[in-house]
Amino acid sequence: MSLGLPEFGSRGEDPARGVWRAGQIAGLMALAYAAAIAVTEGMAASAADRSREKASAEVAAMAQSAESSRRTLLRNADLLTAASSVASAPDRVIADIEALLPAAVSVVSYKIDYQQDASAHLDLVVVAGGPEAYDRFLSALSKSKHFSDIRPGAEIRPGLVRATVAAVHRPKGTDR
């Protein structure tokens, strides 16, 4: 209660103090908002890490299952022979050979022997119009990604070349 006397110890209302107080409140609100965003982002990152770890574990389980299936297949020779007979079916082998044949060379007969190691061994009888044509065929066969272990056999070379060739058919997409 004042008796009309001036109050010498009080400052009264300072307008700068109100602005300062409003700035403090706004700063605290911004800090609280940033903390809430950080917590939300941290929870999302944690969920993403858990999801990635779960997916990684699933991929590892699938890889282990595939490896187990592969080992089972490798133990069963009949399955390997059947797999090679599908991958190196006669029409596929002949198509791969015909793609390599130069002019004046033809395959007279062939024999495909499916092995228990899942490979297809070929024995070919080839007739060529001359030694150059036969040599071009051997060169094309050796450069082909479909054949490996090429072994030329007996040759008869006066005029026409009649020869035997052994090889292993390697279907497209395999790395044997």
N, C-alpha and C. Protein backbone atom coordinates (compact mmCIF):
# COMPACT_ATOMS: atom_id res chain seq x y z
N MET A 1 0.84 -1.15 0.00
CA MET A 1 0.00 0.00 0.00
C MET A 1 0.90 1.23 0.00
N SER A 2 0.57 2.07 -0.84
CA SER A 2 1.39 3.25 -1.01
C SER A 2 0.60 4.48 -0.53
N LEU A 3 1.25 5.34 0.09
CA LEU A 3 0.59 6.53 0.59
C LEU A 3 0.80 7.71 -0.36
N GLY A 4 1.02 7.41 -1.55
CA GLY A 4 1.24 8.45 -2.53
C GLY A 4 2.67 8.86 -2.63
N LEU A 5 3.46 8.15 -1.90
CA LEU A 5 4.87 8.45 -1.95
C LEU A 5 5.52 7.65 -3.07
N PRO A 6 6.51 8.17 -3.65
CA PRO A 6 7.17 7.40 -4.71
C PRO A 6 7.92 6.21 -4.12
N GLU A 7 7.93 5.13 -4.88
CA GLU A 7 8.66 3.93 -4.47
C GLU A 7 10.02 4.01 -5.11
N PHE A 8 11.01 4.20 -4.25
CA PHE A 8 12.35 4.37 -4.76
C PHE A 8 13.07 3.05 -5.02
N GLY A 9 12.75 1.99 -4.44
CA GLY A 9 13.47 0.72 -4.61
C GLY A 9 12.95 -0.13 -5.76
N SER A 10 11.83 0.14 -6.34
CA SER A 10 11.28 -0.72 -7.39
C SER A 10 11.51 -0.12 -8.76
N ARG A 11 11.62 -0.97 -9.74
CA ARG A 11 11.89 -0.51 -11.10
C ARG A 11 10.60 -0.29 -11.88
N GLY A 12 9.60 -0.96 -11.49
CA GLY A 12 8.38 -0.91 -12.28
C GLY A 12 8.43 -1.97 -13.38
N GLU A 13 7.64 -1.93 -14.31
CA GLU A 13 7.54 -2.90 -15.41
C GLU A 13 8.54 -2.51 -16.49
N ASP A 14 9.51 -3.40 -16.78
CA ASP A 14 10.52 -3.18 -17.84
C ASP A 14 10.05 -3.92 -19.10
N PRO A 15 9.77 -3.21 -20.22
CA PRO A 15 9.28 -3.89 -21.43
C PRO A 15 10.32 -4.83 -22.04
N ALA A 16 11.59 -4.57 -21.85
CA ALA A 16 12.62 -5.47 -22.41
C ALA A 16 12.61 -6.81 -21.68
N ARG A 17 12.24 -6.78 -20.42
CA ARG A 17 12.19 -8.02 -19.64
C ARG A 17 11.10 -8.95 -20.18
N GLY A 18 10.00 -8.45 -20.60
CA GLY A 18 8.91 -9.25 -21.17
C GLY A 18 9.34 -9.92 -22.49
N VAL A 19 10.09 -9.18 -23.30
CA VAL A 19 10.58 -9.73 -24.56
C VAL A 19 11.59 -10.84 -24.26
N TRP A 20 12.46 -10.58 -23.29
CA TRP A 20 13.45 -11.60 -22.90
C TRP A 20 12.75 -12.86 -22.41
N ARG A 21 11.70 -12.70 -21.62
CA ARG A 21 10.95 -13.85 -21.09
C ARG A 21 10.28 -14.61 -22.24
N ALA A 22 9.73 -13.91 -23.19
CA ALA A 22 9.09 -14.55 -24.35
C ALA A 22 10.14 -15.31 -25.17
N GLY A 23 11.34 -14.74 -25.31
CA GLY A 23 12.42 -15.42 -26.02
C GLY A 23 12.84 -16.70 -25.31
N GLN A 24 12.90 -16.63 -23.98
CA GLN A 24 13.24 -17.83 -23.21
C GLN A 24 12.19 -18.91 -23.41
N ILE A 25 10.95 -18.54 -23.37
CA ILE A 25 9.86 -19.52 -23.54
C ILE A 25 9.92 -20.12 -24.95
N ALA A 26 10.13 -19.28 -25.95
CA ALA A 26 10.23 -19.78 -27.33
C ALA A 26 11.43 -20.71 -27.48
N GLY A 27 12.55 -20.38 -26.86
CA GLY A 27 13.75 -21.24 -26.91
C GLY A 27 13.50 -22.58 -26.25
N LEU A 28 12.83 -22.55 -25.10
CA LEU A 28 12.51 -23.82 -24.41
C LEU A 28 11.56 -24.67 -25.24
N MET A 29 10.61 -24.01 -25.92
CA MET A 29 9.68 -24.75 -26.77
C MET A 29 10.41 -25.37 -27.97
N ALA A 30 11.34 -24.62 -28.56
CA ALA A 30 12.13 -25.14 -29.69
C ALA A 30 13.00 -26.30 -29.24
N LEU A 31 13.60 -26.18 -28.04
CA LEU A 31 14.41 -27.26 -27.50
C LEU A 31 13.57 -28.50 -27.25
N ALA A 32 12.39 -28.33 -26.70
CA ALA A 32 11.49 -29.47 -26.45
C ALA A 32 11.07 -30.12 -27.77
N TYR A 33 10.79 -29.29 -28.79
CA TYR A 33 10.41 -29.83 -30.11
C TYR A 33 11.57 -30.62 -30.71
N ALA A 34 12.79 -30.07 -30.64
CA ALA A 34 13.96 -30.77 -31.18
C ALA A 34 14.20 -32.08 -30.45
N ALA A 35 14.00 -32.07 -29.13
CA ALA A 35 14.18 -33.31 -28.35
C ALA A 35 13.14 -34.34 -28.77
N ALA A 36 11.90 -33.91 -28.98
CA ALA A 36 10.85 -34.84 -29.40
C ALA A 36 11.16 -35.41 -30.77
N ILE A 37 11.64 -34.58 -31.70
CA ILE A 37 12.01 -35.05 -33.04
C ILE A 37 13.16 -36.04 -32.94
N ALA A 38 14.15 -35.74 -32.11
CA ALA A 38 15.31 -36.63 -31.96
C ALA A 38 14.88 -37.98 -31.41
N VAL A 39 13.99 -37.98 -30.44
CA VAL A 39 13.51 -39.25 -29.88
C VAL A 39 12.75 -40.03 -30.95
N THR A 40 11.91 -39.36 -31.72
CA THR A 40 11.14 -40.02 -32.78
C THR A 40 12.07 -40.61 -33.84
N GLU A 41 13.07 -39.83 -34.28
CA GLU A 41 14.03 -40.30 -35.28
C GLU A 41 14.85 -41.46 -34.74
N GLY A 42 15.24 -41.39 -33.47
CA GLY A 42 16.00 -42.48 -32.86
C GLY A 42 15.20 -43.77 -32.81
N MET A 43 13.92 -43.65 -32.49
CA MET A 43 13.07 -44.84 -32.46
C MET A 43 12.90 -45.42 -33.86
N ALA A 44 12.77 -44.53 -34.88
CA ALA A 44 12.64 -45.01 -36.26
C ALA A 44 13.92 -45.69 -36.72
N ALA A 45 15.08 -45.12 -36.36
CA ALA A 45 16.36 -45.73 -36.74
C ALA A 45 16.53 -47.08 -36.06
N SER A 46 16.12 -47.16 -34.82
CA SER A 46 16.22 -48.43 -34.09
C SER A 46 15.32 -49.48 -34.74
N ALA A 47 14.12 -49.08 -35.14
CA ALA A 47 13.20 -50.01 -35.81
C ALA A 47 13.79 -50.46 -37.15
N ALA A 48 14.42 -49.53 -37.88
CA ALA A 48 15.03 -49.88 -39.16
C ALA A 48 16.20 -50.85 -38.95
N ASP A 49 16.99 -50.64 -37.91
CA ASP A 49 18.09 -51.56 -37.60
C ASP A 49 17.57 -52.95 -37.26
N ARG A 50 16.52 -53.01 -36.47
CA ARG A 50 15.93 -54.32 -36.15
C ARG A 50 15.40 -55.01 -37.40
N SER A 51 14.77 -54.23 -38.27
CA SER A 51 14.24 -54.79 -39.52
C SER A 51 15.38 -55.30 -40.40
N ARG A 52 16.48 -54.53 -40.51
CA ARG A 52 17.63 -54.95 -41.30
C ARG A 52 18.25 -56.21 -40.73
N GLU A 53 18.37 -56.28 -39.41
CA GLU A 53 18.94 -57.47 -38.78
C GLU A 53 18.05 -58.69 -39.02
N LYS A 54 16.74 -58.49 -38.97
CA LYS A 54 15.81 -59.59 -39.23
C LYS A 54 15.94 -60.08 -40.67
N ALA A 55 15.99 -59.14 -41.62
CA ALA A 55 16.14 -59.50 -43.03
C ALA A 55 17.47 -60.21 -43.26
N SER A 56 18.52 -59.73 -42.63
CA SER A 56 19.84 -60.36 -42.77
C SER A 56 19.80 -61.79 -42.24
N ALA A 57 19.13 -62.00 -41.13
CA ALA A 57 19.02 -63.34 -40.56
C ALA A 57 18.22 -64.25 -41.50
N GLU A 58 17.16 -63.71 -42.12
CA GLU A 58 16.37 -64.51 -43.06
C GLU A 58 17.19 -64.89 -44.29
N VAL A 59 17.99 -63.96 -44.80
CA VAL A 59 18.84 -64.25 -45.95
C VAL A 59 19.87 -65.32 -45.59
N ALA A 60 20.45 -65.21 -44.40
CA ALA A 60 21.43 -66.21 -43.97
C ALA A 60 20.77 -67.59 -43.83
N ALA A 61 19.55 -67.63 -43.33
CA ALA A 61 18.83 -68.91 -43.21
C ALA A 61 18.54 -69.50 -44.59
N MET A 62 18.15 -68.63 -45.55
CA MET A 62 17.89 -69.13 -46.91
C MET A 62 19.17 -69.64 -47.55
N ALA A 63 20.27 -68.94 -47.35
CA ALA A 63 21.55 -69.37 -47.91
C ALA A 63 21.97 -70.71 -47.31
N GLN A 64 21.76 -70.87 -46.03
CA GLN A 64 22.11 -72.13 -45.38
C GLN A 64 21.22 -73.26 -45.91
N SER A 65 19.95 -72.97 -46.12
CA SER A 65 19.04 -73.98 -46.68
C SER A 65 19.45 -74.36 -48.11
N ALA A 66 19.82 -73.37 -48.90
CA ALA A 66 20.25 -73.65 -50.28
C ALA A 66 21.53 -74.48 -50.28
N GLU A 67 22.46 -74.15 -49.41
CA GLU A 67 23.71 -74.91 -49.32
C GLU A 67 23.43 -76.35 -48.88
N SER A 68 22.52 -76.51 -47.95
CA SER A 68 22.15 -77.86 -47.51
C SER A 68 21.52 -78.65 -48.66
N SER A 69 20.67 -78.00 -49.43
CA SER A 69 20.06 -78.67 -50.59
C SER A 69 21.12 -79.03 -51.62
N ARG A 70 22.07 -78.12 -51.84
CA ARG A 70 23.14 -78.41 -52.80
C ARG A 70 23.97 -79.60 -52.34
N ARG A 71 24.30 -79.65 -51.04
CA ARG A 71 25.08 -80.79 -50.54
C ARG A 71 24.30 -82.10 -50.67
N THR A 72 23.00 -82.05 -50.44
CA THR A 72 22.17 -83.24 -50.61
C THR A 72 22.18 -83.69 -52.06
N LEU A 73 22.08 -82.71 -52.98
CA LEU A 73 22.11 -83.02 -54.41
C LEU A 73 23.45 -83.65 -54.80
N LEU A 74 24.53 -83.10 -54.27
CA LEU A 74 25.86 -83.63 -54.61
C LEU A 74 26.06 -85.06 -54.10
N ARG A 75 25.34 -85.44 -53.05
CA ARG A 75 25.45 -86.81 -52.54
C ARG A 75 24.64 -87.81 -53.35
N ASN A 76 23.68 -87.31 -54.13
CA ASN A 76 22.82 -88.21 -54.88
C ASN A 76 23.22 -88.18 -56.35
N ALA A 77 23.93 -89.20 -56.79
CA ALA A 77 24.44 -89.25 -58.16
C ALA A 77 23.32 -89.29 -59.20
N ASP A 78 22.23 -89.97 -58.88
CA ASP A 78 21.12 -90.04 -59.83
C ASP A 78 20.51 -88.67 -60.09
N LEU A 79 20.40 -87.85 -59.04
CA LEU A 79 19.88 -86.50 -59.22
C LEU A 79 20.84 -85.65 -60.06
N LEU A 80 22.14 -85.83 -59.85
CA LEU A 80 23.12 -85.08 -60.64
C LEU A 80 23.04 -85.46 -62.11
N THR A 81 22.90 -86.76 -62.38
CA THR A 81 22.79 -87.22 -63.76
C THR A 81 21.52 -86.66 -64.40
N ALA A 82 20.42 -86.67 -63.65
CA ALA A 82 19.17 -86.12 -64.17
C ALA A 82 19.29 -84.62 -64.43
N ALA A 83 19.97 -83.92 -63.51
CA ALA A 83 20.15 -82.47 -63.70
C ALA A 83 20.98 -82.18 -64.95
N SER A 84 22.03 -82.97 -65.17
CA SER A 84 22.86 -82.73 -66.36
C SER A 84 22.09 -83.07 -67.63
N SER A 85 21.21 -84.05 -67.58
CA SER A 85 20.44 -84.41 -68.78
C SER A 85 19.42 -83.33 -69.13
N VAL A 86 19.00 -82.56 -68.15
CA VAL A 86 18.09 -81.44 -68.43
C VAL A 86 18.90 -80.24 -68.94
N ALA A 87 20.00 -79.94 -68.27
CA ALA A 87 20.81 -78.77 -68.65
C ALA A 87 21.48 -78.98 -70.00
N SER A 88 21.85 -80.21 -70.31
CA SER A 88 22.52 -80.50 -71.58
C SER A 88 21.67 -81.47 -72.41
N ALA A 89 20.42 -81.09 -72.60
CA ALA A 89 19.53 -81.92 -73.41
C ALA A 89 20.08 -82.00 -74.84
N PRO A 90 19.86 -83.11 -75.53
CA PRO A 90 20.42 -83.28 -76.88
C PRO A 90 20.13 -82.12 -77.84
N ASP A 91 18.91 -81.59 -77.82
CA ASP A 91 18.61 -80.49 -78.74
C ASP A 91 19.41 -79.24 -78.39
N ARG A 92 19.66 -79.03 -77.12
CA ARG A 92 20.47 -77.87 -76.72
C ARG A 92 21.93 -78.06 -77.12
N VAL A 93 22.46 -79.26 -76.93
CA VAL A 93 23.84 -79.54 -77.31
C VAL A 93 24.02 -79.36 -78.81
N ILE A 94 23.11 -79.92 -79.61
CA ILE A 94 23.20 -79.81 -81.06
C ILE A 94 23.08 -78.34 -81.50
N ALA A 95 22.19 -77.59 -80.87
CA ALA A 95 22.06 -76.17 -81.21
C ALA A 95 23.36 -75.42 -80.91
N ASP A 96 23.99 -75.73 -79.78
CA ASP A 96 25.26 -75.08 -79.44
C ASP A 96 26.36 -75.46 -80.43
N ILE A 97 26.37 -76.71 -80.89
CA ILE A 97 27.38 -77.14 -81.86
C ILE A 97 27.12 -76.48 -83.22
N GLU A 98 25.87 -76.49 -83.67
CA GLU A 98 25.53 -75.91 -84.97
C GLU A 98 25.87 -74.43 -85.03
N ALA A 99 25.79 -73.75 -83.90
CA ALA A 99 26.14 -72.32 -83.87
C ALA A 99 27.62 -72.10 -84.16
N LEU A 100 28.44 -73.13 -83.96
CA LEU A 100 29.89 -73.02 -84.16
C LEU A 100 30.38 -73.52 -85.51
N LEU A 101 29.58 -74.35 -86.17
CA LEU A 101 30.04 -75.03 -87.38
C LEU A 101 30.37 -74.06 -88.50
N PRO A 102 31.61 -74.09 -88.97
CA PRO A 102 31.93 -73.27 -90.15
C PRO A 102 31.42 -73.97 -91.41
N ALA A 103 31.48 -73.27 -92.51
CA ALA A 103 31.07 -73.86 -93.79
C ALA A 103 31.95 -75.07 -94.07
N ALA A 104 31.40 -76.07 -94.71
CA ALA A 104 32.09 -77.29 -95.13
C ALA A 104 32.43 -78.21 -93.96
N VAL A 105 31.76 -78.05 -92.81
CA VAL A 105 31.96 -78.96 -91.67
C VAL A 105 30.58 -79.43 -91.20
N SER A 106 30.46 -80.72 -90.95
CA SER A 106 29.20 -81.23 -90.41
C SER A 106 29.49 -82.32 -89.38
N VAL A 107 28.58 -82.45 -88.44
CA VAL A 107 28.67 -83.51 -87.42
C VAL A 107 27.88 -84.69 -87.95
N VAL A 108 28.58 -85.82 -88.16
CA VAL A 108 27.95 -87.01 -88.73
C VAL A 108 27.21 -87.79 -87.64
N SER A 109 27.82 -87.90 -86.46
CA SER A 109 27.16 -88.59 -85.36
C SER A 109 27.68 -88.01 -84.04
N TYR A 110 26.91 -88.24 -83.01
CA TYR A 110 27.33 -87.78 -81.69
C TYR A 110 26.80 -88.74 -80.63
N LYS A 111 27.47 -88.75 -79.51
CA LYS A 111 27.06 -89.56 -78.38
C LYS A 111 27.18 -88.66 -77.15
N ILE A 112 26.12 -88.60 -76.34
CA ILE A 112 26.14 -87.81 -75.11
C ILE A 112 26.09 -88.79 -73.94
N ASP A 113 27.06 -88.67 -73.06
CA ASP A 113 27.13 -89.54 -71.89
C ASP A 113 27.00 -88.67 -70.64
N TYR A 114 25.87 -88.79 -69.95
CA TYR A 114 25.62 -87.99 -68.75
C TYR A 114 26.32 -88.64 -67.56
N GLN A 115 27.14 -87.86 -66.91
CA GLN A 115 27.97 -88.39 -65.82
C GLN A 115 27.36 -88.08 -64.45
N GLN A 116 27.85 -88.80 -63.43
CA GLN A 116 27.36 -88.59 -62.08
C GLN A 116 27.89 -87.31 -61.45
N ASP A 117 28.84 -86.66 -62.09
CA ASP A 117 29.32 -85.38 -61.58
C ASP A 117 28.56 -84.23 -62.23
N ALA A 118 27.40 -84.52 -62.83
CA ALA A 118 26.50 -83.54 -63.46
C ALA A 118 27.08 -82.93 -64.73
N SER A 119 27.99 -83.62 -65.37
CA SER A 119 28.52 -83.13 -66.64
C SER A 119 27.99 -84.00 -67.77
N ALA A 120 28.07 -83.46 -68.99
CA ALA A 120 27.64 -84.19 -70.18
C ALA A 120 28.85 -84.32 -71.10
N HIS A 121 29.37 -85.53 -71.22
CA HIS A 121 30.54 -85.78 -72.07
C HIS A 121 30.05 -86.13 -73.47
N LEU A 122 30.69 -85.50 -74.46
CA LEU A 122 30.29 -85.69 -75.86
C LEU A 122 31.39 -86.40 -76.63
N ASP A 123 30.97 -87.28 -77.52
CA ASP A 123 31.86 -87.87 -78.51
C ASP A 123 31.25 -87.54 -79.87
N LEU A 124 31.99 -86.78 -80.66
CA LEU A 124 31.50 -86.32 -81.97
C LEU A 124 32.31 -86.96 -83.09
N VAL A 125 31.64 -87.26 -84.18
CA VAL A 125 32.32 -87.66 -85.42
C VAL A 125 32.03 -86.53 -86.40
N VAL A 126 33.10 -85.92 -86.88
CA VAL A 126 33.00 -84.72 -87.72
C VAL A 126 33.59 -85.00 -89.09
N VAL A 127 32.94 -84.47 -90.13
CA VAL A 127 33.48 -84.53 -91.49
C VAL A 127 33.64 -83.09 -91.96
N ALA A 128 34.84 -82.78 -92.47
CA ALA A 128 35.12 -81.43 -92.95
C ALA A 128 35.60 -81.49 -94.39
N GLY A 129 35.33 -80.44 -95.14
CA GLY A 129 35.73 -80.36 -96.55
C GLY A 129 37.24 -80.26 -96.73
N GLY A 130 37.97 -79.96 -95.68
CA GLY A 130 39.43 -79.85 -95.77
C GLY A 130 40.01 -79.57 -94.40
N PRO A 131 41.32 -79.67 -94.28
CA PRO A 131 41.97 -79.46 -92.98
C PRO A 131 41.71 -78.06 -92.41
N GLU A 132 41.64 -77.04 -93.29
CA GLU A 132 41.42 -75.67 -92.80
C GLU A 132 40.06 -75.54 -92.14
N ALA A 133 39.03 -76.13 -92.77
CA ALA A 133 37.68 -76.08 -92.21
C ALA A 133 37.62 -76.80 -90.87
N TYR A 134 38.27 -77.97 -90.79
CA TYR A 134 38.30 -78.73 -89.53
C TYR A 134 39.02 -77.93 -88.45
N ASP A 135 40.11 -77.30 -88.79
CA ASP A 135 40.86 -76.49 -87.81
C ASP A 135 40.03 -75.29 -87.34
N ARG A 136 39.25 -74.69 -88.25
CA ARG A 136 38.36 -73.59 -87.85
C ARG A 136 37.31 -74.08 -86.86
N PHE A 137 36.79 -75.30 -87.09
CA PHE A 137 35.80 -75.87 -86.17
C PHE A 137 36.42 -76.09 -84.79
N LEU A 138 37.61 -76.68 -84.74
CA LEU A 138 38.27 -76.89 -83.44
C LEU A 138 38.53 -75.56 -82.73
N SER A 139 38.94 -74.57 -83.48
CA SER A 139 39.20 -73.26 -82.90
C SER A 139 37.91 -72.66 -82.33
N ALA A 140 36.82 -72.72 -83.09
CA ALA A 140 35.54 -72.19 -82.61
C ALA A 140 35.05 -72.96 -81.40
N LEU A 141 35.23 -74.27 -81.40
CA LEU A 141 34.82 -75.11 -80.27
C LEU A 141 35.60 -74.74 -79.01
N SER A 142 36.90 -74.52 -79.16
CA SER A 142 37.72 -74.19 -77.99
C SER A 142 37.43 -72.79 -77.45
N LYS A 143 36.97 -71.88 -78.29
CA LYS A 143 36.65 -70.53 -77.85
C LYS A 143 35.24 -70.42 -77.28
N SER A 144 34.41 -71.42 -77.51
CA SER A 144 33.02 -71.37 -77.06
C SER A 144 32.92 -71.48 -75.55
N LYS A 145 31.98 -70.72 -74.98
CA LYS A 145 31.75 -70.81 -73.54
C LYS A 145 30.87 -72.01 -73.20
N HIS A 146 30.36 -72.70 -74.21
CA HIS A 146 29.49 -73.85 -73.96
C HIS A 146 30.23 -75.19 -73.89
N PHE A 147 31.50 -75.21 -74.24
CA PHE A 147 32.24 -76.47 -74.27
C PHE A 147 33.58 -76.32 -73.56
N SER A 148 34.02 -77.43 -72.94
CA SER A 148 35.33 -77.43 -72.27
C SER A 148 35.94 -78.82 -72.45
N ASP A 149 37.16 -78.97 -71.97
CA ASP A 149 37.88 -80.26 -72.04
C ASP A 149 37.83 -80.86 -73.46
N ILE A 150 38.17 -80.07 -74.45
CA ILE A 150 38.11 -80.51 -75.85
C ILE A 150 39.35 -81.34 -76.16
N ARG A 151 39.12 -82.55 -76.68
CA ARG A 151 40.22 -83.45 -77.04
C ARG A 151 39.99 -84.00 -78.44
N PRO A 152 40.74 -83.50 -79.40
CA PRO A 152 40.64 -84.08 -80.75
C PRO A 152 41.14 -85.53 -80.70
N GLY A 153 40.47 -86.36 -81.49
CA GLY A 153 40.86 -87.77 -81.53
C GLY A 153 41.46 -88.13 -82.87
N ALA A 154 41.18 -89.36 -83.31
CA ALA A 154 41.74 -89.86 -84.57
C ALA A 154 41.23 -89.03 -85.74
N GLU A 155 42.14 -88.80 -86.71
CA GLU A 155 41.80 -88.03 -87.91
C GLU A 155 42.22 -88.79 -89.16
N ILE A 156 41.42 -88.65 -90.19
CA ILE A 156 41.78 -89.14 -91.51
C ILE A 156 41.77 -87.91 -92.40
N ARG A 157 42.94 -87.55 -92.99
CA ARG A 157 43.07 -86.25 -93.66
C ARG A 157 43.32 -86.28 -95.16
N PRO A 158 43.29 -87.33 -95.89
CA PRO A 158 43.48 -87.11 -97.33
C PRO A 158 42.19 -86.58 -97.94
N GLY A 159 42.22 -85.36 -98.43
CA GLY A 159 41.01 -84.75 -99.02
C GLY A 159 40.05 -84.33 -97.92
N LEU A 160 38.93 -85.03 -97.84
CA LEU A 160 37.98 -84.77 -96.75
C LEU A 160 38.61 -85.19 -95.42
N VAL A 161 38.31 -84.45 -94.37
CA VAL A 161 38.82 -84.81 -93.04
C VAL A 161 37.68 -85.46 -92.28
N ARG A 162 37.95 -86.66 -91.80
CA ARG A 162 37.00 -87.36 -90.93
C ARG A 162 37.72 -87.51 -89.60
N ALA A 163 37.09 -87.01 -88.50
CA ALA A 163 37.77 -86.97 -87.20
C ALA A 163 36.78 -87.20 -86.07
N THR A 164 37.33 -87.58 -84.93
CA THR A 164 36.54 -87.68 -83.71
C THR A 164 37.02 -86.59 -82.75
N VAL A 165 36.06 -86.09 -81.99
CA VAL A 165 36.36 -85.04 -81.00
C VAL A 165 35.57 -85.36 -79.74
N ALA A 166 36.23 -85.29 -78.60
CA ALA A 166 35.57 -85.44 -77.31
C ALA A 166 35.53 -84.07 -76.64
N ALA A 167 34.43 -83.79 -75.93
CA ALA A 167 34.29 -82.51 -75.23
C ALA A 167 33.28 -82.67 -74.11
N VAL A 168 33.23 -81.67 -73.26
CA VAL A 168 32.24 -81.61 -72.19
C VAL A 168 31.35 -80.41 -72.49
N HIS A 169 30.03 -80.64 -72.50
CA HIS A 169 29.09 -79.55 -72.73
C HIS A 169 28.87 -78.81 -71.42
N ARG A 170 28.96 -77.51 -71.50
CA ARG A 170 28.78 -76.64 -70.33
C ARG A 170 27.63 -75.70 -70.67
N PRO A 171 26.44 -75.95 -70.14
CA PRO A 171 25.28 -75.11 -70.49
C PRO A 171 25.52 -73.64 -70.13
N LYS A 172 24.81 -72.79 -70.82
CA LYS A 172 24.91 -71.34 -70.61
C LYS A 172 24.61 -71.02 -69.15
N GLY A 173 25.45 -70.19 -68.55
CA GLY A 173 25.23 -69.76 -67.18
C GLY A 173 25.91 -70.59 -66.13
N THR A 174 26.63 -71.66 -66.50
CA THR A 174 27.34 -72.46 -65.50
C THR A 174 28.82 -72.22 -65.62
N ASP A 175 29.52 -72.42 -64.52
CA ASP A 175 30.96 -72.17 -64.48
C ASP A 175 31.74 -73.42 -64.11
N ARG A 176 31.51 -74.47 -64.82
CA ARG A 176 32.26 -75.70 -64.53
C ARG A 176 33.61 -75.66 -65.12
